[in-house]
Each structure stands twice: as structure tokens, then as C-alpha cells.
Amino acid sequence: MERKQCYFCEQKMDKIDYKDAYLIRRFMNSQGKIYPPKRHGICTKHQRTLAQAIKRARVMALAPFVVK
């Protein structure tokens, strides 16, 4: 199986904005959990910044902690 290219490296994005709820939602499942990096092929550097952005978005109520 071919390895996926990191979405953020392809788009040449340095920073991931926590206010971009639509982008962040792509990397969360229906229950609000963060997908593992292997699922979308995200590199380690961007996975760390994505997780931080998701956590900030949760605190700011832009993304859910848990979906029932």
C-alpha cells in the first residue's frame, strides 16, 4: 500500500489555525476523538500541532469534547 502524503505538507501550511473548525473536524471522528496520524498520513510535526489546535478549539467551544 502506498504511503499517504501529509495534507499540511502538501498545502505548505506551517501553522494550523484552531479557529478553522471545518479543517479541524476533518481530523476528528464522529465522537469527537482525534484520528491517529496513520489514518490520514499526517507527519509527526503536523500531528502535534493539529492535536494542540484541536484542544484549543475544544476549550473555545469550536469543537466538541464528546458527542453523544
Protein backbone atom coordinates (compact mmCIF):
# COMPACT_ATOMS: atom_id res chain seq x y z
CA MET A 1 0.00 0.00 0.00
CA GLU A 2 1.27 3.45 -0.90
CA ARG A 3 2.05 5.85 1.94
CA LYS A 4 -0.17 8.92 2.08
CA GLN A 5 1.37 12.37 1.80
CA CYS A 6 0.82 14.70 4.76
CA TYR A 7 -2.07 17.06 3.96
CA PHE A 8 -0.40 20.01 5.67
CA CYS A 9 2.96 19.41 3.93
CA GLU A 10 1.17 19.23 0.55
CA GLN A 11 -0.62 22.54 1.22
CA LYS A 12 2.61 24.08 2.60
CA MET A 13 0.85 25.07 5.83
CA ASP A 14 3.16 25.98 8.72
CA LYS A 15 0.53 26.83 11.29
CA ILE A 16 -2.80 25.14 11.88
CA ASP A 17 -5.41 27.67 12.97
CA TYR A 18 -7.65 26.46 15.80
CA LYS A 19 -10.40 28.81 14.54
CA ASP A 20 -10.72 26.86 11.27
CA ALA A 21 -13.38 24.46 12.57
CA TYR A 22 -14.07 22.80 9.20
CA LEU A 23 -10.42 21.83 8.74
CA ILE A 24 -10.11 20.56 12.29
CA ARG A 25 -13.31 18.49 12.04
CA ARG A 26 -11.79 16.51 9.15
CA PHE A 27 -9.28 15.00 11.57
CA MET A 28 -11.81 14.04 14.26
CA ASN A 29 -14.22 11.12 14.26
CA SER A 30 -17.96 11.33 14.90
CA GLN A 31 -17.44 11.01 18.67
CA GLY A 32 -15.01 13.94 18.76
CA LYS A 33 -11.81 11.91 19.11
CA ILE A 34 -8.62 12.86 17.27
CA TYR A 35 -7.72 10.41 14.50
CA PRO A 36 -4.31 8.73 14.74
CA PRO A 37 -1.66 10.01 12.29
CA LYS A 38 -1.73 6.78 10.28
CA ARG A 39 -5.38 7.30 9.35
CA HIS A 40 -4.75 10.43 7.27
CA GLY A 41 -0.98 10.03 6.78
CA ILE A 42 -0.06 13.14 8.74
CA CYS A 43 3.60 13.65 9.66
CA THR A 44 4.65 13.79 13.31
CA LYS A 45 5.29 17.54 13.32
CA HIS A 46 1.85 18.39 11.99
CA GLN A 47 0.10 15.77 14.16
CA ARG A 48 1.45 17.53 17.24
CA THR A 49 0.33 20.97 16.08
CA LEU A 50 -3.05 19.57 14.94
CA ALA A 51 -3.66 17.99 18.34
CA GLN A 52 -2.80 21.29 20.03
CA ALA A 53 -5.17 23.18 17.69
CA ILE A 54 -7.99 20.69 18.35
CA LYS A 55 -7.51 21.01 22.11
CA ARG A 56 -7.59 24.81 21.86
CA ALA A 57 -10.72 24.66 19.68
CA ARG A 58 -12.40 22.44 22.27
CA VAL A 59 -11.68 24.94 25.06
CA MET A 60 -13.01 27.79 22.88
CA ALA A 61 -16.16 25.67 22.17
CA LEU A 62 -15.46 25.49 18.41
CA ALA A 63 -15.10 21.70 18.51
CA PRO A 64 -16.81 19.22 20.84
CA PHE A 65 -15.11 17.32 23.65
CA VAL A 66 -17.60 14.45 23.34
CA VAL A 67 -20.55 13.84 21.01
CA LYS A 68 -23.38 11.74 22.40
